N, C-alpha and C. Protein backbone atom coordinates (compact mmCIF):
# COMPACT_ATOMS: atom_id res chain seq x y z
N MET A 1 -15.07 -3.61 16.69
CA MET A 1 -15.86 -3.26 15.55
C MET A 1 -15.00 -3.17 14.30
N LEU A 2 -13.80 -2.57 14.40
CA LEU A 2 -12.91 -2.45 13.26
C LEU A 2 -12.55 -3.83 12.70
N LYS A 3 -12.26 -4.77 13.62
CA LYS A 3 -11.89 -6.14 13.18
C LYS A 3 -13.05 -6.82 12.50
N LYS A 4 -14.29 -6.56 12.97
CA LYS A 4 -15.44 -7.19 12.34
C LYS A 4 -15.67 -6.64 10.94
N ILE A 5 -15.51 -5.34 10.76
CA ILE A 5 -15.68 -4.71 9.45
C ILE A 5 -14.65 -5.25 8.47
N ILE A 6 -13.39 -5.28 8.89
CA ILE A 6 -12.32 -5.75 8.01
C ILE A 6 -12.52 -7.24 7.70
N GLY A 7 -12.85 -8.00 8.72
CA GLY A 7 -13.04 -9.44 8.53
C GLY A 7 -14.17 -9.73 7.56
N ALA A 8 -15.25 -9.00 7.66
CA ALA A 8 -16.37 -9.20 6.74
C ALA A 8 -16.01 -8.84 5.32
N THR A 9 -15.28 -7.73 5.15
CA THR A 9 -14.83 -7.29 3.81
C THR A 9 -13.96 -8.35 3.14
N VAL A 10 -12.95 -8.83 3.91
CA VAL A 10 -12.01 -9.79 3.36
C VAL A 10 -12.73 -11.12 3.10
N ALA A 11 -13.63 -11.53 3.99
CA ALA A 11 -14.35 -12.79 3.80
C ALA A 11 -15.20 -12.76 2.55
N ILE A 12 -15.88 -11.64 2.31
CA ILE A 12 -16.70 -11.49 1.10
C ILE A 12 -15.81 -11.54 -0.14
N ALA A 13 -14.67 -10.84 -0.07
CA ALA A 13 -13.75 -10.83 -1.21
C ALA A 13 -13.25 -12.23 -1.52
N VAL A 14 -12.85 -12.98 -0.48
CA VAL A 14 -12.37 -14.33 -0.68
C VAL A 14 -13.48 -15.22 -1.23
N GLY A 15 -14.67 -15.11 -0.65
CA GLY A 15 -15.78 -15.95 -1.07
C GLY A 15 -16.18 -15.73 -2.51
N LEU A 16 -16.37 -14.49 -2.90
CA LEU A 16 -16.80 -14.17 -4.26
C LEU A 16 -15.69 -14.46 -5.25
N SER A 17 -14.41 -14.22 -4.88
CA SER A 17 -13.32 -14.54 -5.77
C SER A 17 -13.26 -16.05 -6.00
N ALA A 18 -13.54 -16.83 -4.94
CA ALA A 18 -13.50 -18.27 -5.06
C ALA A 18 -14.65 -18.76 -5.98
N GLN A 19 -15.83 -18.13 -5.86
CA GLN A 19 -16.96 -18.50 -6.70
C GLN A 19 -16.71 -18.21 -8.17
N THR A 20 -15.89 -17.21 -8.47
CA THR A 20 -15.62 -16.83 -9.84
C THR A 20 -14.18 -17.12 -10.25
N VAL A 21 -13.62 -18.19 -9.60
CA VAL A 21 -12.20 -18.47 -9.82
C VAL A 21 -11.88 -18.76 -11.27
N HIS A 22 -12.86 -19.31 -12.02
CA HIS A 22 -12.60 -19.60 -13.43
C HIS A 22 -12.37 -18.34 -14.24
N ALA A 23 -12.90 -17.20 -13.77
CA ALA A 23 -12.74 -15.94 -14.51
C ALA A 23 -11.78 -15.00 -13.80
N ALA A 24 -11.16 -15.46 -12.71
CA ALA A 24 -10.27 -14.61 -11.91
C ALA A 24 -8.89 -14.52 -12.53
N ASP A 25 -8.21 -13.47 -12.17
CA ASP A 25 -6.83 -13.27 -12.64
C ASP A 25 -5.87 -13.57 -11.48
N PHE A 26 -4.94 -14.46 -11.70
CA PHE A 26 -3.87 -14.73 -10.74
C PHE A 26 -2.62 -14.02 -11.21
N SER A 27 -1.93 -13.37 -10.32
CA SER A 27 -0.69 -12.70 -10.72
C SER A 27 0.31 -12.72 -9.58
N ALA A 28 1.56 -12.56 -9.93
CA ALA A 28 2.64 -12.50 -8.95
C ALA A 28 3.48 -11.29 -9.28
N ASN A 29 4.22 -10.77 -8.31
CA ASN A 29 5.08 -9.63 -8.56
C ASN A 29 6.33 -9.74 -7.70
N ILE A 30 7.41 -9.21 -8.24
CA ILE A 30 8.66 -9.10 -7.49
C ILE A 30 9.17 -7.66 -7.67
N GLY A 31 9.97 -7.22 -6.74
CA GLY A 31 10.45 -5.84 -6.83
C GLY A 31 11.67 -5.57 -5.98
N PHE A 32 12.24 -4.41 -6.19
CA PHE A 32 13.39 -3.97 -5.39
C PHE A 32 13.33 -2.45 -5.26
N ALA A 33 13.58 -1.96 -4.04
CA ALA A 33 13.61 -0.52 -3.76
C ALA A 33 14.95 -0.15 -3.17
N SER A 34 15.54 0.92 -3.67
CA SER A 34 16.81 1.39 -3.11
C SER A 34 16.63 1.85 -1.67
N GLU A 35 15.41 2.32 -1.32
CA GLU A 35 15.03 2.66 0.03
C GLU A 35 13.53 2.41 0.15
N TYR A 36 13.16 1.54 1.08
CA TYR A 36 11.74 1.23 1.27
C TYR A 36 11.15 2.27 2.22
N ILE A 37 10.27 3.11 1.70
CA ILE A 37 9.59 4.14 2.50
C ILE A 37 8.11 3.94 2.36
N TYR A 38 7.41 3.84 3.47
CA TYR A 38 5.97 3.64 3.44
C TYR A 38 5.27 4.74 4.24
N ARG A 39 4.37 5.41 3.57
CA ARG A 39 3.66 6.54 4.18
C ARG A 39 4.61 7.52 4.85
N GLY A 40 5.71 7.78 4.14
CA GLY A 40 6.65 8.77 4.56
C GLY A 40 7.67 8.31 5.58
N ILE A 41 7.57 7.05 6.07
CA ILE A 41 8.44 6.54 7.11
C ILE A 41 9.44 5.54 6.53
N PRO A 42 10.74 5.81 6.60
CA PRO A 42 11.75 4.87 6.09
C PRO A 42 11.67 3.53 6.86
N GLN A 43 11.64 2.44 6.10
CA GLN A 43 11.59 1.11 6.72
C GLN A 43 12.91 0.37 6.59
N SER A 44 13.58 0.53 5.42
CA SER A 44 14.82 -0.21 5.20
C SER A 44 15.59 0.43 4.06
N SER A 45 16.92 0.48 4.19
CA SER A 45 17.74 0.93 3.08
C SER A 45 18.00 -0.28 2.20
N SER A 46 17.38 -0.30 1.04
CA SER A 46 17.32 -1.37 0.06
C SER A 46 16.40 -2.47 0.58
N SER A 47 15.50 -2.90 -0.29
CA SER A 47 14.52 -3.92 0.13
C SER A 47 14.02 -4.66 -1.10
N ALA A 48 14.04 -5.99 -1.01
CA ALA A 48 13.43 -6.85 -2.03
C ALA A 48 12.03 -7.22 -1.59
N SER A 49 11.14 -7.42 -2.55
CA SER A 49 9.74 -7.72 -2.22
C SER A 49 9.17 -8.70 -3.22
N ALA A 50 8.02 -9.33 -2.82
CA ALA A 50 7.32 -10.24 -3.70
C ALA A 50 5.89 -10.38 -3.22
N GLY A 51 4.95 -10.67 -4.13
CA GLY A 51 3.57 -10.78 -3.76
C GLY A 51 2.76 -11.64 -4.68
N LEU A 52 1.57 -12.04 -4.22
CA LEU A 52 0.60 -12.82 -5.01
C LEU A 52 -0.76 -12.16 -4.91
N ASP A 53 -1.49 -12.13 -6.00
CA ASP A 53 -2.81 -11.49 -6.04
C ASP A 53 -3.82 -12.34 -6.81
N LEU A 54 -5.04 -12.32 -6.33
CA LEU A 54 -6.17 -12.95 -7.01
C LEU A 54 -7.25 -11.88 -7.13
N SER A 55 -7.73 -11.64 -8.34
CA SER A 55 -8.75 -10.62 -8.55
C SER A 55 -9.78 -11.09 -9.55
N GLY A 56 -11.01 -10.62 -9.37
CA GLY A 56 -12.07 -10.98 -10.29
C GLY A 56 -13.37 -10.30 -9.88
N GLY A 57 -14.10 -9.76 -10.85
CA GLY A 57 -15.37 -9.15 -10.56
C GLY A 57 -15.33 -7.95 -9.66
N GLY A 58 -14.19 -7.24 -9.65
CA GLY A 58 -14.05 -6.09 -8.77
C GLY A 58 -13.47 -6.42 -7.42
N PHE A 59 -13.40 -7.72 -7.05
CA PHE A 59 -12.86 -8.14 -5.78
C PHE A 59 -11.38 -8.52 -5.92
N ASN A 60 -10.65 -8.39 -4.82
CA ASN A 60 -9.24 -8.79 -4.87
C ASN A 60 -8.81 -9.23 -3.46
N VAL A 61 -7.90 -10.21 -3.43
CA VAL A 61 -7.24 -10.63 -2.19
C VAL A 61 -5.78 -10.85 -2.55
N GLY A 62 -4.90 -10.68 -1.57
CA GLY A 62 -3.50 -10.87 -1.88
C GLY A 62 -2.63 -10.88 -0.63
N VAL A 63 -1.36 -11.21 -0.86
CA VAL A 63 -0.34 -11.22 0.18
C VAL A 63 0.92 -10.63 -0.42
N TRP A 64 1.64 -9.84 0.36
CA TRP A 64 2.85 -9.17 -0.12
C TRP A 64 3.87 -9.14 1.01
N GLY A 65 5.12 -9.41 0.67
CA GLY A 65 6.16 -9.41 1.66
C GLY A 65 7.36 -8.61 1.20
N ALA A 66 8.09 -8.02 2.18
CA ALA A 66 9.26 -7.20 1.87
C ALA A 66 10.31 -7.38 2.96
N ASP A 67 11.56 -7.35 2.54
CA ASP A 67 12.67 -7.37 3.48
C ASP A 67 12.76 -5.99 4.14
N VAL A 68 12.78 -6.00 5.47
CA VAL A 68 12.93 -4.75 6.22
C VAL A 68 14.22 -4.84 7.03
N THR A 69 14.54 -3.82 7.78
CA THR A 69 15.83 -3.72 8.44
C THR A 69 16.15 -4.96 9.27
N ASP A 70 15.21 -5.40 10.08
CA ASP A 70 15.38 -6.61 10.89
C ASP A 70 14.11 -7.47 10.71
N GLY A 71 14.18 -8.43 9.81
CA GLY A 71 13.04 -9.29 9.58
C GLY A 71 12.35 -9.07 8.27
N ILE A 72 11.10 -9.53 8.20
CA ILE A 72 10.29 -9.49 7.00
C ILE A 72 8.92 -8.93 7.32
N GLU A 73 8.46 -7.99 6.52
CA GLU A 73 7.09 -7.51 6.61
C GLU A 73 6.21 -8.38 5.72
N ILE A 74 5.08 -8.86 6.24
CA ILE A 74 4.13 -9.65 5.47
C ILE A 74 2.76 -9.02 5.63
N ASP A 75 2.16 -8.60 4.52
CA ASP A 75 0.87 -7.94 4.52
C ASP A 75 -0.18 -8.83 3.87
N TYR A 76 -1.38 -8.83 4.43
CA TYR A 76 -2.51 -9.56 3.87
C TYR A 76 -3.63 -8.56 3.65
N TYR A 77 -4.29 -8.62 2.49
CA TYR A 77 -5.29 -7.61 2.16
C TYR A 77 -6.38 -8.17 1.28
N GLY A 78 -7.51 -7.49 1.29
CA GLY A 78 -8.61 -7.85 0.43
C GLY A 78 -9.55 -6.66 0.31
N GLY A 79 -10.36 -6.64 -0.75
CA GLY A 79 -11.27 -5.53 -0.91
C GLY A 79 -12.07 -5.61 -2.18
N TYR A 80 -12.78 -4.53 -2.41
CA TYR A 80 -13.67 -4.41 -3.59
C TYR A 80 -13.53 -3.03 -4.16
N SER A 81 -13.50 -2.93 -5.51
CA SER A 81 -13.42 -1.63 -6.18
C SER A 81 -14.35 -1.62 -7.39
N LEU A 82 -14.79 -0.44 -7.74
CA LEU A 82 -15.67 -0.30 -8.91
C LEU A 82 -15.40 1.04 -9.59
N GLU A 83 -15.77 1.13 -10.84
CA GLU A 83 -15.63 2.35 -11.60
C GLU A 83 -16.99 2.77 -12.15
N ALA A 84 -17.25 4.07 -12.15
CA ALA A 84 -18.47 4.63 -12.71
C ALA A 84 -18.12 5.90 -13.42
N GLY A 85 -17.94 5.82 -14.74
CA GLY A 85 -17.53 6.99 -15.50
C GLY A 85 -16.13 7.41 -15.11
N ASP A 86 -15.98 8.66 -14.74
CA ASP A 86 -14.66 9.18 -14.34
C ASP A 86 -14.36 8.92 -12.87
N PHE A 87 -15.28 8.25 -12.18
CA PHE A 87 -15.09 8.03 -10.74
C PHE A 87 -14.71 6.57 -10.47
N ASN A 88 -13.98 6.34 -9.41
CA ASN A 88 -13.71 5.00 -8.92
C ASN A 88 -13.77 5.00 -7.41
N LEU A 89 -14.25 3.89 -6.85
CA LEU A 89 -14.42 3.74 -5.41
C LEU A 89 -13.79 2.44 -4.98
N SER A 90 -13.30 2.36 -3.73
CA SER A 90 -12.73 1.12 -3.21
C SER A 90 -12.93 1.05 -1.70
N VAL A 91 -13.03 -0.17 -1.20
CA VAL A 91 -13.11 -0.43 0.25
C VAL A 91 -12.42 -1.76 0.51
N GLY A 92 -11.74 -1.85 1.64
CA GLY A 92 -11.04 -3.09 1.93
C GLY A 92 -10.44 -3.08 3.30
N GLY A 93 -9.57 -4.05 3.54
CA GLY A 93 -8.88 -4.18 4.81
C GLY A 93 -7.47 -4.69 4.62
N THR A 94 -6.55 -4.31 5.52
CA THR A 94 -5.16 -4.72 5.43
C THR A 94 -4.65 -5.09 6.81
N LEU A 95 -3.92 -6.21 6.87
CA LEU A 95 -3.25 -6.64 8.08
C LEU A 95 -1.74 -6.62 7.81
N TYR A 96 -1.00 -5.80 8.58
CA TYR A 96 0.44 -5.70 8.46
C TYR A 96 1.09 -6.48 9.60
N THR A 97 1.94 -7.47 9.27
CA THR A 97 2.64 -8.25 10.29
C THR A 97 4.14 -8.21 10.03
N TYR A 98 4.94 -8.53 11.08
CA TYR A 98 6.39 -8.46 10.97
C TYR A 98 7.04 -9.58 11.74
N THR A 99 8.16 -10.06 11.24
CA THR A 99 8.94 -11.05 11.95
C THR A 99 10.07 -10.38 12.72
N ASP A 100 10.64 -11.09 13.67
CA ASP A 100 11.86 -10.66 14.42
C ASP A 100 11.63 -9.34 15.17
N ASP A 101 10.38 -9.04 15.54
CA ASP A 101 10.07 -7.86 16.35
C ASP A 101 10.51 -6.55 15.69
N PHE A 102 10.57 -6.51 14.36
CA PHE A 102 10.87 -5.24 13.70
C PHE A 102 9.81 -4.21 14.05
N ASP A 103 8.56 -4.65 14.06
CA ASP A 103 7.43 -3.78 14.43
C ASP A 103 6.30 -4.70 14.88
N ASP A 104 5.25 -4.12 15.42
CA ASP A 104 4.11 -4.91 15.84
C ASP A 104 3.00 -4.83 14.79
N THR A 105 1.90 -5.52 15.04
CA THR A 105 0.84 -5.69 14.06
C THR A 105 -0.05 -4.46 13.92
N TYR A 106 -0.39 -4.14 12.69
CA TYR A 106 -1.36 -3.10 12.36
C TYR A 106 -2.55 -3.73 11.66
N LEU A 107 -3.75 -3.31 12.00
CA LEU A 107 -4.95 -3.79 11.31
C LEU A 107 -5.79 -2.57 10.95
N GLU A 108 -6.15 -2.44 9.68
CA GLU A 108 -6.85 -1.22 9.26
C GLU A 108 -7.90 -1.50 8.19
N ALA A 109 -8.91 -0.62 8.17
CA ALA A 109 -9.89 -0.56 7.09
C ALA A 109 -9.48 0.52 6.15
N ASN A 110 -9.56 0.25 4.84
CA ASN A 110 -9.11 1.20 3.81
C ASN A 110 -10.27 1.65 2.95
N PHE A 111 -10.26 2.94 2.59
CA PHE A 111 -11.29 3.49 1.75
C PHE A 111 -10.63 4.40 0.71
N GLY A 112 -11.20 4.43 -0.50
CA GLY A 112 -10.61 5.30 -1.51
C GLY A 112 -11.67 5.78 -2.51
N VAL A 113 -11.43 6.95 -3.04
CA VAL A 113 -12.30 7.52 -4.10
C VAL A 113 -11.41 8.28 -5.04
N GLY A 114 -11.66 8.16 -6.33
CA GLY A 114 -10.86 8.86 -7.33
C GLY A 114 -11.72 9.50 -8.39
N TRP A 115 -11.21 10.57 -8.97
CA TRP A 115 -11.87 11.25 -10.08
C TRP A 115 -10.81 11.75 -11.02
N LYS A 116 -10.80 11.21 -12.24
CA LYS A 116 -9.83 11.58 -13.26
C LYS A 116 -8.41 11.54 -12.69
N PHE A 117 -7.77 12.68 -12.50
CA PHE A 117 -6.35 12.72 -12.08
C PHE A 117 -6.19 12.85 -10.58
N LEU A 118 -7.28 12.92 -9.81
CA LEU A 118 -7.21 13.07 -8.37
C LEU A 118 -7.70 11.84 -7.67
N SER A 119 -7.05 11.46 -6.56
CA SER A 119 -7.52 10.36 -5.75
C SER A 119 -7.31 10.66 -4.25
N PHE A 120 -8.27 10.22 -3.47
CA PHE A 120 -8.22 10.43 -2.01
C PHE A 120 -8.30 9.05 -1.37
N ALA A 121 -7.42 8.80 -0.39
CA ALA A 121 -7.42 7.52 0.32
C ALA A 121 -7.48 7.79 1.82
N ALA A 122 -8.12 6.88 2.52
CA ALA A 122 -8.24 7.00 4.00
C ALA A 122 -8.08 5.61 4.60
N ALA A 123 -7.50 5.56 5.79
CA ALA A 123 -7.38 4.33 6.54
C ALA A 123 -7.66 4.60 7.99
N VAL A 124 -8.38 3.66 8.63
CA VAL A 124 -8.67 3.74 10.06
C VAL A 124 -8.14 2.46 10.67
N GLY A 125 -7.18 2.57 11.61
CA GLY A 125 -6.53 1.37 12.08
C GLY A 125 -6.23 1.31 13.55
N GLU A 126 -5.76 0.10 13.96
CA GLU A 126 -5.33 -0.14 15.32
C GLU A 126 -3.92 -0.73 15.29
N TYR A 127 -3.09 -0.32 16.25
CA TYR A 127 -1.72 -0.78 16.37
C TYR A 127 -1.56 -1.51 17.68
N ASP A 128 -1.03 -2.77 17.66
CA ASP A 128 -0.97 -3.60 18.88
C ASP A 128 0.04 -3.06 19.89
N ASN A 129 1.11 -2.38 19.44
CA ASN A 129 2.00 -1.66 20.34
C ASN A 129 2.73 -2.55 21.35
N PHE A 130 3.18 -3.74 20.92
CA PHE A 130 4.03 -4.60 21.72
C PHE A 130 3.48 -4.84 23.14
N GLY A 131 2.21 -5.09 23.26
CA GLY A 131 1.63 -5.38 24.56
C GLY A 131 1.24 -4.16 25.35
N GLY A 132 1.59 -2.98 24.92
CA GLY A 132 1.19 -1.75 25.60
C GLY A 132 -0.24 -1.39 25.21
N PRO A 133 -0.70 -0.24 25.62
CA PRO A 133 -2.05 0.17 25.22
C PRO A 133 -2.20 0.23 23.71
N THR A 134 -3.26 -0.37 23.19
CA THR A 134 -3.50 -0.36 21.75
C THR A 134 -3.68 1.10 21.30
N LEU A 135 -3.01 1.44 20.19
CA LEU A 135 -3.11 2.80 19.65
C LEU A 135 -4.03 2.83 18.44
N ASP A 136 -4.82 3.90 18.35
CA ASP A 136 -5.69 4.10 17.20
C ASP A 136 -5.08 5.16 16.27
N TYR A 137 -5.26 4.97 15.00
CA TYR A 137 -4.72 5.94 14.05
C TYR A 137 -5.61 6.09 12.84
N GLN A 138 -5.48 7.23 12.22
CA GLN A 138 -6.13 7.50 10.93
C GLN A 138 -5.05 8.02 9.98
N PHE A 139 -5.23 7.66 8.72
CA PHE A 139 -4.29 8.12 7.71
C PHE A 139 -5.09 8.63 6.52
N TYR A 140 -4.68 9.77 5.98
CA TYR A 140 -5.38 10.37 4.82
C TYR A 140 -4.34 10.83 3.80
N SER A 141 -4.63 10.63 2.52
CA SER A 141 -3.71 11.09 1.47
C SER A 141 -4.51 11.62 0.28
N LEU A 142 -3.90 12.58 -0.41
CA LEU A 142 -4.47 13.13 -1.64
C LEU A 142 -3.37 13.08 -2.70
N THR A 143 -3.69 12.50 -3.86
CA THR A 143 -2.69 12.32 -4.92
C THR A 143 -3.22 12.91 -6.22
N ALA A 144 -2.33 13.59 -6.94
CA ALA A 144 -2.64 14.11 -8.28
C ALA A 144 -1.64 13.49 -9.26
N THR A 145 -2.12 13.09 -10.44
CA THR A 145 -1.25 12.47 -11.44
C THR A 145 -1.36 13.18 -12.78
N TYR A 146 -0.26 13.09 -13.55
CA TYR A 146 -0.27 13.68 -14.90
C TYR A 146 0.83 13.01 -15.72
N GLU A 147 0.40 12.17 -16.67
CA GLU A 147 1.30 11.53 -17.64
C GLU A 147 2.52 10.91 -16.97
N GLY A 148 2.29 10.11 -15.97
CA GLY A 148 3.37 9.41 -15.27
C GLY A 148 3.90 10.12 -14.05
N PHE A 149 3.78 11.44 -14.01
CA PHE A 149 4.22 12.21 -12.84
C PHE A 149 3.11 12.24 -11.79
N TYR A 150 3.48 12.36 -10.54
CA TYR A 150 2.47 12.45 -9.50
C TYR A 150 3.00 13.22 -8.32
N GLY A 151 2.08 13.77 -7.54
CA GLY A 151 2.40 14.42 -6.28
C GLY A 151 1.42 13.98 -5.23
N LYS A 152 1.89 13.81 -4.00
CA LYS A 152 1.04 13.29 -2.94
C LYS A 152 1.34 14.00 -1.64
N VAL A 153 0.30 14.20 -0.84
CA VAL A 153 0.48 14.64 0.54
C VAL A 153 -0.28 13.64 1.44
N GLY A 154 0.39 13.18 2.48
CA GLY A 154 -0.23 12.24 3.40
C GLY A 154 -0.06 12.69 4.83
N THR A 155 -1.05 12.43 5.67
CA THR A 155 -1.00 12.89 7.06
C THR A 155 -1.68 11.90 7.98
N PHE A 156 -1.19 11.82 9.23
CA PHE A 156 -1.78 10.94 10.24
C PHE A 156 -2.55 11.76 11.26
N ALA A 157 -3.50 11.08 11.94
CA ALA A 157 -4.28 11.70 13.00
C ALA A 157 -4.53 10.69 14.10
N ASP A 158 -5.10 11.16 15.19
CA ASP A 158 -5.38 10.36 16.38
C ASP A 158 -4.12 10.12 17.18
N ASP A 159 -3.78 8.86 17.53
CA ASP A 159 -2.58 8.60 18.34
C ASP A 159 -1.30 8.74 17.53
N PHE A 160 -1.38 8.73 16.21
CA PHE A 160 -0.24 8.97 15.34
C PHE A 160 -0.32 10.37 14.77
N THR A 161 0.81 11.05 14.57
CA THR A 161 0.83 12.37 13.98
C THR A 161 1.94 12.47 12.96
N GLY A 162 1.87 13.49 12.13
CA GLY A 162 2.92 13.74 11.17
C GLY A 162 2.39 13.81 9.75
N THR A 163 3.18 14.46 8.89
CA THR A 163 2.80 14.68 7.48
C THR A 163 4.01 14.47 6.60
N TYR A 164 3.77 14.01 5.38
CA TYR A 164 4.86 13.88 4.40
C TYR A 164 4.35 14.33 3.03
N TYR A 165 5.32 14.71 2.20
CA TYR A 165 5.05 15.12 0.82
C TYR A 165 5.90 14.28 -0.11
N GLU A 166 5.27 13.82 -1.18
CA GLU A 166 5.93 12.86 -2.08
C GLU A 166 5.69 13.26 -3.52
N GLY A 167 6.70 13.14 -4.34
CA GLY A 167 6.53 13.42 -5.76
C GLY A 167 7.45 12.53 -6.56
N GLY A 168 7.03 12.14 -7.77
CA GLY A 168 7.86 11.25 -8.54
C GLY A 168 7.32 10.97 -9.91
N TYR A 169 7.93 9.99 -10.53
CA TYR A 169 7.55 9.57 -11.88
C TYR A 169 7.50 8.07 -11.94
N ASN A 170 6.43 7.51 -12.51
CA ASN A 170 6.28 6.07 -12.75
C ASN A 170 6.30 5.80 -14.25
N GLY A 171 7.01 4.77 -14.65
CA GLY A 171 7.07 4.42 -16.06
C GLY A 171 7.26 2.94 -16.26
N THR A 172 7.22 2.53 -17.51
CA THR A 172 7.44 1.11 -17.88
C THR A 172 8.50 1.04 -18.97
N LEU A 173 9.50 0.21 -18.75
CA LEU A 173 10.53 -0.01 -19.78
C LEU A 173 10.00 -1.03 -20.78
N THR A 174 9.85 -0.61 -22.03
CA THR A 174 9.28 -1.45 -23.08
C THR A 174 10.27 -1.62 -24.22
N VAL A 175 10.48 -2.85 -24.65
CA VAL A 175 11.36 -3.14 -25.79
C VAL A 175 10.59 -3.99 -26.79
N LYS A 176 10.45 -3.47 -28.00
CA LYS A 176 9.72 -4.17 -29.07
C LYS A 176 8.34 -4.65 -28.61
N ASP A 177 7.59 -3.71 -28.05
CA ASP A 177 6.22 -3.94 -27.58
C ASP A 177 6.14 -4.94 -26.41
N THR A 178 7.26 -5.23 -25.79
CA THR A 178 7.26 -6.11 -24.63
C THR A 178 7.60 -5.30 -23.38
N ASN A 179 6.74 -5.36 -22.37
CA ASN A 179 6.98 -4.64 -21.13
C ASN A 179 7.96 -5.46 -20.28
N LEU A 180 9.17 -4.90 -20.09
CA LEU A 180 10.19 -5.61 -19.29
C LEU A 180 9.96 -5.44 -17.79
N PHE A 181 9.79 -4.20 -17.34
CA PHE A 181 9.51 -3.97 -15.91
C PHE A 181 9.02 -2.55 -15.74
N ASP A 182 8.40 -2.30 -14.59
CA ASP A 182 7.99 -0.97 -14.21
C ASP A 182 9.04 -0.34 -13.32
N TYR A 183 9.15 0.99 -13.35
CA TYR A 183 10.15 1.66 -12.54
C TYR A 183 9.56 2.97 -12.01
N ALA A 184 10.19 3.48 -10.96
CA ALA A 184 9.75 4.74 -10.38
C ALA A 184 10.92 5.44 -9.72
N ALA A 185 10.93 6.76 -9.78
CA ALA A 185 11.88 7.59 -9.05
C ALA A 185 11.06 8.54 -8.20
N VAL A 186 11.31 8.54 -6.88
CA VAL A 186 10.44 9.25 -5.94
C VAL A 186 11.26 10.04 -4.95
N VAL A 187 10.83 11.27 -4.67
CA VAL A 187 11.41 12.08 -3.60
C VAL A 187 10.36 12.24 -2.51
N VAL A 188 10.77 11.99 -1.24
CA VAL A 188 9.84 12.04 -0.12
C VAL A 188 10.41 12.98 0.95
N TYR A 189 9.60 13.96 1.34
CA TYR A 189 9.95 14.81 2.48
C TYR A 189 9.04 14.47 3.63
N SER A 190 9.62 14.05 4.78
CA SER A 190 8.86 13.68 5.97
C SER A 190 9.16 14.66 7.09
N ASP A 191 8.12 15.15 7.75
CA ASP A 191 8.35 16.16 8.78
C ASP A 191 8.81 15.54 10.10
N ALA A 192 9.22 16.39 11.03
CA ALA A 192 9.79 15.92 12.28
C ALA A 192 8.77 15.16 13.13
N ASP A 193 7.51 15.57 13.12
CA ASP A 193 6.49 14.87 13.89
C ASP A 193 6.34 13.42 13.42
N LEU A 194 6.37 13.24 12.13
CA LEU A 194 6.18 11.90 11.57
C LEU A 194 7.35 10.97 11.97
N LEU A 195 8.56 11.49 11.96
CA LEU A 195 9.75 10.67 12.21
C LEU A 195 10.15 10.65 13.66
N GLY A 196 9.53 11.49 14.50
CA GLY A 196 9.86 11.51 15.91
C GLY A 196 11.24 12.06 16.17
N GLY A 197 11.71 12.94 15.32
CA GLY A 197 13.02 13.55 15.46
C GLY A 197 13.18 14.65 14.44
N ASP A 198 14.24 14.59 13.66
CA ASP A 198 14.46 15.59 12.61
C ASP A 198 13.69 15.21 11.34
N SER A 199 13.33 16.21 10.57
CA SER A 199 12.73 15.96 9.25
C SER A 199 13.78 15.38 8.32
N GLU A 200 13.30 14.72 7.27
CA GLU A 200 14.21 14.09 6.29
C GLU A 200 13.65 14.23 4.90
N THR A 201 14.58 14.29 3.92
CA THR A 201 14.23 14.18 2.51
C THR A 201 14.97 13.00 1.95
N ASN A 202 14.25 12.07 1.31
CA ASN A 202 14.86 10.85 0.78
C ASN A 202 14.48 10.66 -0.68
N LEU A 203 15.41 10.09 -1.43
CA LEU A 203 15.20 9.70 -2.81
C LEU A 203 15.21 8.17 -2.88
N THR A 204 14.20 7.60 -3.51
CA THR A 204 14.17 6.15 -3.68
C THR A 204 13.88 5.79 -5.14
N LEU A 205 14.53 4.75 -5.60
CA LEU A 205 14.34 4.21 -6.93
C LEU A 205 13.80 2.81 -6.80
N THR A 206 12.77 2.47 -7.58
CA THR A 206 12.19 1.15 -7.48
C THR A 206 12.02 0.51 -8.86
N VAL A 207 12.08 -0.81 -8.91
CA VAL A 207 11.75 -1.58 -10.10
C VAL A 207 10.83 -2.73 -9.68
N THR A 208 9.81 -3.00 -10.47
CA THR A 208 8.89 -4.08 -10.18
C THR A 208 8.53 -4.82 -11.47
N LYS A 209 8.23 -6.10 -11.31
CA LYS A 209 7.85 -6.94 -12.45
C LYS A 209 6.66 -7.78 -12.06
N SER A 210 5.60 -7.76 -12.85
CA SER A 210 4.41 -8.54 -12.59
C SER A 210 4.28 -9.67 -13.61
N PHE A 211 3.72 -10.80 -13.15
CA PHE A 211 3.55 -11.96 -14.01
C PHE A 211 2.12 -12.49 -13.86
N SER A 212 1.51 -12.88 -14.98
CA SER A 212 0.23 -13.55 -14.96
C SER A 212 0.50 -15.05 -14.73
N LEU A 213 -0.34 -15.65 -13.88
CA LEU A 213 -0.18 -17.06 -13.54
C LEU A 213 -1.33 -17.89 -14.12
């Protein structure tokens, strides 16, 4: 059922984006992180990344890849979002894949709702688990933002457990009204359950650059 829901969402996003391709926005991005941390879990010490996106009429599809400790992570995603006054809503699906057996495949449905400076995100997914019993997981996060600063708490449920806390600042380096690149400085505390051992606190610095195509 999860695969059918995600497949239908991505298929609709691809179809409607293709129908409105003349009005769609194509973009690419490149980036670098001093430490790649995703949902509180360290993936690689230093990581380069790149991605492509197509969006239009509230729909979006894209692919993103990053260098991880052993191999490359390649993510495929699609979805739909809308805004109504101070509220925004989103629904979509994401497929996480990896080369060189760094990790196995994750497939999840994503949901989000935001109001002014607060946003809530949820994911319901399945993990292939290298041929073992398929694992089910849920992920929930709550984020608050203020003038570039933000704080987030994220937690897992079902077959995955653990919680992390994240805080940082996002900004854009601008010279003579030209945006050179985006940057962020982030501190992440991950608890022992999430990491399967000792808790950790990590600092990561990132830079990203987006281009219209």
